[in-house]
Amino acid sequence: MMRTTLGTLLFAGMLLGLGACSNLAAVNAWEKGNLTKPGMAFDGDPLDQRFVQHIYTSKENSSGGNGVGGGGCGCN
């Protein structure tokens, strides 16, 4: 009984392990154009990111780390 259960568990583990080798998540050649669109970028608009970082440093009353200088008043 124990040997049959162990064999079944081993077989189920092998099936689960082989299921991870599928190519279902691969990007096809005709889908790569969608990944190059501006909306898919991690950073987005560089000017908008600089504006958001400026507001963040103004509210935190600190500067540095991203090249933003000035004090906490937000007037630079």
PDB file of N, CA and C in Angstrom:
ATOM      1  N   MET A   1       0.829  -1.201   0.000  1.00  0.00           N
ATOM      2  CA  MET A   1       0.000   0.000   0.000  1.00  0.00           C
ATOM      3  C   MET A   1       0.868   1.257   0.000  1.00  0.00           C
ATOM      4  N   MET A   2       1.884   1.256   0.849  1.00  0.00           N
ATOM      5  CA  MET A   2       2.766   2.420   0.942  1.00  0.00           C
ATOM      6  C   MET A   2       3.531   2.624  -0.363  1.00  0.00           C
ATOM      7  N   ARG A   3       3.936   1.547  -0.981  1.00  0.00           N
ATOM      8  CA  ARG A   3       4.698   1.625  -2.228  1.00  0.00           C
ATOM      9  C   ARG A   3       3.834   2.176  -3.358  1.00  0.00           C
ATOM     10  N   THR A   4       2.570   1.800  -3.403  1.00  0.00           N
ATOM     11  CA  THR A   4       1.657   2.284  -4.437  1.00  0.00           C
ATOM     12  C   THR A   4       1.406   3.781  -4.269  1.00  0.00           C
ATOM     13  N   THR A   5       1.217   4.222  -3.032  1.00  0.00           N
ATOM     14  CA  THR A   5       0.998   5.641  -2.762  1.00  0.00           C
ATOM     15  C   THR A   5       2.233   6.455  -3.125  1.00  0.00           C
ATOM     16  N   LEU A   6       3.393   5.941  -2.767  1.00  0.00           N
ATOM     17  CA  LEU A   6       4.638   6.642  -3.087  1.00  0.00           C
ATOM     18  C   LEU A   6       4.840   6.724  -4.595  1.00  0.00           C
ATOM     19  N   GLY A   7       4.540   5.655  -5.314  1.00  0.00           N
ATOM     20  CA  GLY A   7       4.654   5.666  -6.772  1.00  0.00           C
ATOM     21  C   GLY A   7       3.687   6.641  -7.417  1.00  0.00           C
ATOM     22  N   THR A   8       2.476   6.708  -6.876  1.00  0.00           N
ATOM     23  CA  THR A   8       1.476   7.649  -7.404  1.00  0.00           C
ATOM     24  C   THR A   8       1.913   9.091  -7.172  1.00  0.00           C
ATOM     25  N   LEU A   9       2.426   9.372  -5.975  1.00  0.00           N
ATOM     26  CA  LEU A   9       2.891  10.731  -5.677  1.00  0.00           C
ATOM     27  C   LEU A   9       4.094  11.112  -6.543  1.00  0.00           C
ATOM     28  N   LEU A  10       4.981  10.162  -6.764  1.00  0.00           N
ATOM     29  CA  LEU A  10       6.142  10.418  -7.613  1.00  0.00           C
ATOM     30  C   LEU A  10       5.712  10.688  -9.057  1.00  0.00           C
ATOM     31  N   PHE A  11       4.778   9.910  -9.549  1.00  0.00           N
ATOM     32  CA  PHE A  11       4.271  10.111 -10.901  1.00  0.00           C
ATOM     33  C   PHE A  11       3.565  11.462 -11.036  1.00  0.00           C
ATOM     34  N   ALA A  12       2.767  11.833 -10.031  1.00  0.00           N
ATOM     35  CA  ALA A  12       2.073  13.125 -10.054  1.00  0.00           C
ATOM     36  C   ALA A  12       3.079  14.275 -10.003  1.00  0.00           C
ATOM     37  N   GLY A  13       4.141  14.104  -9.224  1.00  0.00           N
ATOM     38  CA  GLY A  13       5.181  15.136  -9.152  1.00  0.00           C
ATOM     39  C   GLY A  13       5.907  15.302 -10.474  1.00  0.00           C
ATOM     40  N   MET A  14       6.142  14.186 -11.173  1.00  0.00           N
ATOM     41  CA  MET A  14       6.790  14.268 -12.483  1.00  0.00           C
ATOM     42  C   MET A  14       5.893  14.971 -13.491  1.00  0.00           C
ATOM     43  N   LEU A  15       4.593  14.696 -13.450  1.00  0.00           N
ATOM     44  CA  LEU A  15       3.662  15.367 -14.362  1.00  0.00           C
ATOM     45  C   LEU A  15       3.615  16.867 -14.106  1.00  0.00           C
ATOM     46  N   LEU A  16       3.593  17.245 -12.829  1.00  0.00           N
ATOM     47  CA  LEU A  16       3.593  18.672 -12.508  1.00  0.00           C
ATOM     48  C   LEU A  16       4.894  19.339 -12.935  1.00  0.00           C
ATOM     49  N   GLY A  17       6.005  18.638 -12.765  1.00  0.00           N
ATOM     50  CA  GLY A  17       7.300  19.182 -13.178  1.00  0.00           C
ATOM     51  C   GLY A  17       7.400  19.354 -14.677  1.00  0.00           C
ATOM     52  N   LEU A  18       6.869  18.412 -15.422  1.00  0.00           N
ATOM     53  CA  LEU A  18       6.914  18.520 -16.880  1.00  0.00           C
ATOM     54  C   LEU A  18       5.938  19.570 -17.406  1.00  0.00           C
ATOM     55  N   GLY A  19       4.901  19.858 -16.657  1.00  0.00           N
ATOM     56  CA  GLY A  19       3.949  20.891 -17.072  1.00  0.00           C
ATOM     57  C   GLY A  19       4.567  22.279 -17.064  1.00  0.00           C
ATOM     58  N   ALA A  20       5.636  22.469 -16.298  1.00  0.00           N
ATOM     59  CA  ALA A  20       6.296  23.768 -16.243  1.00  0.00           C
ATOM     60  C   ALA A  20       7.180  24.010 -17.460  1.00  0.00           C
ATOM     61  N   CYS A  21       7.359  23.034 -18.310  1.00  0.00           N
ATOM     62  CA  CYS A  21       8.227  23.165 -19.475  1.00  0.00           C
ATOM     63  C   CYS A  21       7.469  23.591 -20.732  1.00  0.00           C
ATOM     64  N   SER A  22       6.264  24.047 -20.596  1.00  0.00           N
ATOM     65  CA  SER A  22       5.483  24.420 -21.781  1.00  0.00           C
ATOM     66  C   SER A  22       5.876  25.800 -22.286  1.00  0.00           C
ATOM     67  N   ASN A  23       5.541  26.123 -23.509  1.00  0.00           N
ATOM     68  CA  ASN A  23       5.857  27.401 -24.134  1.00  0.00           C
ATOM     69  C   ASN A  23       4.632  28.295 -24.251  1.00  0.00           C
ATOM     70  N   LEU A  24       3.668  28.152 -23.380  1.00  0.00           N
ATOM     71  CA  LEU A  24       2.439  28.931 -23.495  1.00  0.00           C
ATOM     72  C   LEU A  24       2.660  30.416 -23.200  1.00  0.00           C
ATOM     73  N   ALA A  25       3.660  30.753 -22.408  1.00  0.00           N
ATOM     74  CA  ALA A  25       3.889  32.142 -22.044  1.00  0.00           C
ATOM     75  C   ALA A  25       4.855  32.843 -22.992  1.00  0.00           C
ATOM     76  N   ALA A  26       5.332  32.180 -24.015  1.00  0.00           N
ATOM     77  CA  ALA A  26       6.281  32.787 -24.938  1.00  0.00           C
ATOM     78  C   ALA A  26       5.581  33.841 -25.802  1.00  0.00           C
ATOM     79  N   VAL A  27       6.310  34.869 -26.157  1.00  0.00           N
ATOM     80  CA  VAL A  27       5.781  35.939 -27.000  1.00  0.00           C
ATOM     81  C   VAL A  27       6.041  35.569 -28.455  1.00  0.00           C
ATOM     82  N   ASN A  28       4.986  35.561 -29.231  1.00  0.00           N
ATOM     83  CA  ASN A  28       5.121  35.253 -30.650  1.00  0.00           C
ATOM     84  C   ASN A  28       5.638  36.460 -31.418  1.00  0.00           C
ATOM     85  N   ALA A  29       6.139  36.224 -32.619  1.00  0.00           N
ATOM     86  CA  ALA A  29       6.738  37.291 -33.418  1.00  0.00           C
ATOM     87  C   ALA A  29       5.728  38.390 -33.743  1.00  0.00           C
ATOM     88  N   TRP A  30       4.492  38.035 -34.006  1.00  0.00           N
ATOM     89  CA  TRP A  30       3.493  39.041 -34.377  1.00  0.00           C
ATOM     90  C   TRP A  30       2.966  39.800 -33.157  1.00  0.00           C
ATOM     91  N   GLU A  31       3.306  39.377 -31.942  1.00  0.00           N
ATOM     92  CA  GLU A  31       2.877  40.069 -30.734  1.00  0.00           C
ATOM     93  C   GLU A  31       3.932  41.029 -30.194  1.00  0.00           C
ATOM     94  N   LYS A  32       5.128  41.001 -30.731  1.00  0.00           N
ATOM     95  CA  LYS A  32       6.207  41.838 -30.208  1.00  0.00           C
ATOM     96  C   LYS A  32       5.983  43.314 -30.479  1.00  0.00           C
ATOM     97  N   GLY A  33       5.210  43.645 -31.493  1.00  0.00           N
ATOM     98  CA  GLY A  33       4.907  45.044 -31.765  1.00  0.00           C
ATOM     99  C   GLY A  33       4.111  45.686 -30.650  1.00  0.00           C
ATOM    100  N   ASN A  34       3.291  44.916 -29.963  1.00  0.00           N
ATOM    101  CA  ASN A  34       2.507  45.454 -28.853  1.00  0.00           C
ATOM    102  C   ASN A  34       3.387  45.826 -27.670  1.00  0.00           C
ATOM    103  N   LEU A  35       4.518  45.138 -27.507  1.00  0.00           N
ATOM    104  CA  LEU A  35       5.400  45.409 -26.384  1.00  0.00           C
ATOM    105  C   LEU A  35       6.249  46.655 -26.590  1.00  0.00           C
ATOM    106  N   THR A  36       6.339  47.159 -27.810  1.00  0.00           N
ATOM    107  CA  THR A  36       7.147  48.347 -28.073  1.00  0.00           C
ATOM    108  C   THR A  36       6.332  49.629 -28.041  1.00  0.00           C
ATOM    109  N   LYS A  37       5.061  49.556 -27.748  1.00  0.00           N
ATOM    110  CA  LYS A  37       4.230  50.758 -27.676  1.00  0.00           C
ATOM    111  C   LYS A  37       4.624  51.593 -26.459  1.00  0.00           C
ATOM    112  N   PRO A  38       4.482  52.910 -26.540  1.00  0.00           N
ATOM    113  CA  PRO A  38       4.882  53.772 -25.419  1.00  0.00           C
ATOM    114  C   PRO A  38       4.138  53.462 -24.122  1.00  0.00           C
ATOM    115  N   GLY A  39       2.909  53.002 -24.218  1.00  0.00           N
ATOM    116  CA  GLY A  39       2.152  52.697 -23.016  1.00  0.00           C
ATOM    117  C   GLY A  39       2.665  51.491 -22.254  1.00  0.00           C
ATOM    118  N   MET A  40       3.488  50.680 -22.892  1.00  0.00           N
ATOM    119  CA  MET A  40       4.027  49.498 -22.241  1.00  0.00           C
ATOM    120  C   MET A  40       5.372  49.767 -21.553  1.00  0.00           C
ATOM    121  N   ALA A  41       5.870  50.985 -21.628  1.00  0.00           N
ATOM    122  CA  ALA A  41       7.156  51.321 -21.020  1.00  0.00           C
ATOM    123  C   ALA A  41       7.028  51.377 -19.502  1.00  0.00           C
ATOM    124  N   PHE A  42       8.079  50.993 -18.807  1.00  0.00           N
ATOM    125  CA  PHE A  42       8.070  51.036 -17.350  1.00  0.00           C
ATOM    126  C   PHE A  42       8.134  52.470 -16.838  1.00  0.00           C
ATOM    127  N   ASP A  43       8.884  53.321 -17.520  1.00  0.00           N
ATOM    128  CA  ASP A  43       9.096  54.675 -17.036  1.00  0.00           C
ATOM    129  C   ASP A  43       8.023  55.648 -17.478  1.00  0.00           C
ATOM    130  N   GLY A  44       7.433  55.434 -18.617  1.00  0.00           N
ATOM    131  CA  GLY A  44       6.440  56.370 -19.120  1.00  0.00           C
ATOM    132  C   GLY A  44       7.090  57.614 -19.691  1.00  0.00           C
ATOM    133  N   ASP A  45       6.412  58.721 -19.575  1.00  0.00           N
ATOM    134  CA  ASP A  45       6.894  59.996 -20.102  1.00  0.00           C
ATOM    135  C   ASP A  45       8.008  60.539 -19.207  1.00  0.00           C
ATOM    136  N   PRO A  46       9.197  60.817 -19.761  1.00  0.00           N
ATOM    137  CA  PRO A  46      10.301  61.302 -18.925  1.00  0.00           C
ATOM    138  C   PRO A  46      10.004  62.650 -18.266  1.00  0.00           C
ATOM    139  N   LEU A  47       9.312  63.536 -18.968  1.00  0.00           N
ATOM    140  CA  LEU A  47       8.988  64.834 -18.381  1.00  0.00           C
ATOM    141  C   LEU A  47       8.009  64.677 -17.227  1.00  0.00           C
ATOM    142  N   ASP A  48       7.054  63.789 -17.373  1.00  0.00           N
ATOM    143  CA  ASP A  48       6.090  63.543 -16.305  1.00  0.00           C
ATOM    144  C   ASP A  48       6.776  62.918 -15.095  1.00  0.00           C
ATOM    145  N   GLN A  49       7.714  62.019 -15.328  1.00  0.00           N
ATOM    146  CA  GLN A  49       8.434  61.401 -14.218  1.00  0.00           C
ATOM    147  C   GLN A  49       9.272  62.437 -13.462  1.00  0.00           C
ATOM    148  N   ARG A  50       9.864  63.379 -14.191  1.00  0.00           N
ATOM    149  CA  ARG A  50      10.648  64.427 -13.540  1.00  0.00           C
ATOM    150  C   ARG A  50       9.754  65.334 -12.702  1.00  0.00           C
ATOM    151  N   PHE A  51       8.563  65.625 -13.201  1.00  0.00           N
ATOM    152  CA  PHE A  51       7.607  66.440 -12.461  1.00  0.00           C
ATOM    153  C   PHE A  51       7.150  65.732 -11.185  1.00  0.00           C
ATOM    154  N   VAL A  52       6.860  64.452 -11.285  1.00  0.00           N
ATOM    155  CA  VAL A  52       6.437  63.675 -10.114  1.00  0.00           C
ATOM    156  C   VAL A  52       7.564  63.607  -9.093  1.00  0.00           C
ATOM    157  N   GLN A  53       8.793  63.424  -9.542  1.00  0.00           N
ATOM    158  CA  GLN A  53       9.927  63.373  -8.627  1.00  0.00           C
ATOM    159  C   GLN A  53      10.151  64.723  -7.959  1.00  0.00           C
ATOM    160  N   HIS A  54       9.914  65.805  -8.681  1.00  0.00           N
ATOM    161  CA  HIS A  54      10.055  67.148  -8.105  1.00  0.00           C
ATOM    162  C   HIS A  54       9.037  67.346  -6.986  1.00  0.00           C
ATOM    163  N   ILE A  55       7.818  66.940  -7.216  1.00  0.00           N
ATOM    164  CA  ILE A  55       6.791  67.083  -6.182  1.00  0.00           C
ATOM    165  C   ILE A  55       7.124  66.208  -4.978  1.00  0.00           C
ATOM    166  N   TYR A  56       7.616  64.998  -5.229  1.00  0.00           N
ATOM    167  CA  TYR A  56       7.968  64.105  -4.135  1.00  0.00           C
ATOM    168  C   TYR A  56       9.066  64.698  -3.264  1.00  0.00           C
ATOM    169  N   THR A  57      10.125  65.224  -3.885  1.00  0.00           N
ATOM    170  CA  THR A  57      11.217  65.789  -3.098  1.00  0.00           C
ATOM    171  C   THR A  57      10.780  67.060  -2.386  1.00  0.00           C
ATOM    172  N   SER A  58       9.848  67.803  -2.973  1.00  0.00           N
ATOM    173  CA  SER A  58       9.352  68.999  -2.299  1.00  0.00           C
ATOM    174  C   SER A  58       8.549  68.632  -1.054  1.00  0.00           C
ATOM    175  N   LYS A  59       7.760  67.597  -1.148  1.00  0.00           N
ATOM    176  CA  LYS A  59       6.954  67.177   0.000  1.00  0.00           C
ATOM    177  C   LYS A  59       7.797  66.510   1.076  1.00  0.00           C
ATOM    178  N   GLU A  60       8.845  65.802   0.692  1.00  0.00           N
ATOM    179  CA  GLU A  60       9.685  65.110   1.652  1.00  0.00           C
ATOM    180  C   GLU A  60      10.752  66.027   2.250  1.00  0.00           C
ATOM    181  N   ASN A  61      10.897  67.230   1.713  1.00  0.00           N
ATOM    182  CA  ASN A  61      11.892  68.193   2.166  1.00  0.00           C
ATOM    183  C   ASN A  61      13.296  67.601   2.074  1.00  0.00           C
ATOM    184  N   SER A  62      13.571  66.936   0.980  1.00  0.00           N
ATOM    185  CA  SER A  62      14.885  66.346   0.765  1.00  0.00           C
ATOM    186  C   SER A  62      15.218  66.428  -0.710  1.00  0.00           C
ATOM    187  N   SER A  63      16.474  66.202  -1.013  1.00  0.00           N
ATOM    188  CA  SER A  63      16.881  66.194  -2.409  1.00  0.00           C
ATOM    189  C   SER A  63      17.963  65.150  -2.580  1.00  0.00           C
ATOM    190  N   GLY A  64      18.178  64.762  -3.831  1.00  0.00           N
ATOM    191  CA  GLY A  64      19.221  63.791  -4.124  1.00  0.00           C
ATOM    192  C   GLY A  64      18.637  62.460  -4.538  1.00  0.00           C
ATOM    193  N   GLY A  65      19.500  61.611  -5.051  1.00  0.00           N
ATOM    194  CA  GLY A  65      19.074  60.283  -5.468  1.00  0.00           C
ATOM    195  C   GLY A  65      18.636  60.243  -6.918  1.00  0.00           C
ATOM    196  N   ASN A  66      17.964  61.265  -7.378  1.00  0.00           N
ATOM    197  CA  ASN A  66      17.508  61.306  -8.768  1.00  0.00           C
ATOM    198  C   ASN A  66      17.932  62.589  -9.470  1.00  0.00           C
ATOM    199  N   GLY A  67      18.847  63.321  -8.913  1.00  0.00           N
ATOM    200  CA  GLY A  67      19.372  64.498  -9.579  1.00  0.00           C
ATOM    201  C   GLY A  67      18.515  65.741  -9.425  1.00  0.00           C
ATOM    202  N   VAL A  68      17.591  65.749  -8.500  1.00  0.00           N
ATOM    203  CA  VAL A  68      16.744  66.924  -8.284  1.00  0.00           C
ATOM    204  C   VAL A  68      17.354  67.729  -7.161  1.00  0.00           C
ATOM    205  N   GLY A  69      17.602  69.002  -7.408  1.00  0.00           N
ATOM    206  CA  GLY A  69      18.189  69.844  -6.384  1.00  0.00           C
ATOM    207  C   GLY A  69      17.197  70.851  -5.853  1.00  0.00           C
ATOM    208  N   GLY A  70      17.563  71.480  -4.753  1.00  0.00           N
ATOM    209  CA  GLY A  70      16.701  72.503  -4.203  1.00  0.00           C
ATOM    210  C   GLY A  70      16.211  72.140  -2.811  1.00  0.00           C
ATOM    211  N   GLY A  71      15.476  73.062  -2.233  1.00  0.00           N
ATOM    212  CA  GLY A  71      14.952  72.853  -0.894  1.00  0.00           C
ATOM    213  C   GLY A  71      13.573  72.233  -0.923  1.00  0.00           C
ATOM    214  N   GLY A  72      12.904  72.312   0.219  1.00  0.00           N
ATOM    215  CA  GLY A  72      11.592  71.713   0.355  1.00  0.00           C
ATOM    216  C   GLY A  72      10.449  72.634  -0.026  1.00  0.00           C
ATOM    217  N   CYS A  73      10.761  73.875  -0.468  1.00  0.00           N
ATOM    218  CA  CYS A  73       9.683  74.811  -0.764  1.00  0.00           C
ATOM    219  C   CYS A  73       9.077  74.564  -2.148  1.00  0.00           C
ATOM    220  N   GLY A  74       9.757  73.848  -3.000  1.00  0.00           N
ATOM    221  CA  GLY A  74       9.235  73.554  -4.334  1.00  0.00           C
ATOM    222  C   GLY A  74       9.376  74.707  -5.301  1.00  0.00           C
ATOM    223  N   CYS A  75      10.308  75.621  -5.060  1.00  0.00           N
ATOM    224  CA  CYS A  75      10.413  76.809  -5.890  1.00  0.00           C
ATOM    225  C   CYS A  75      11.639  76.813  -6.804  1.00  0.00           C
ATOM    226  N   ASN A  76      12.273  75.681  -7.035  1.00  0.00           N
ATOM    227  CA  ASN A  76      13.480  75.717  -7.885  1.00  0.00           C
ATOM    228  C   ASN A  76      13.118  75.568  -9.306  1.00  0.00           C
TER     229      ASN A  76
END
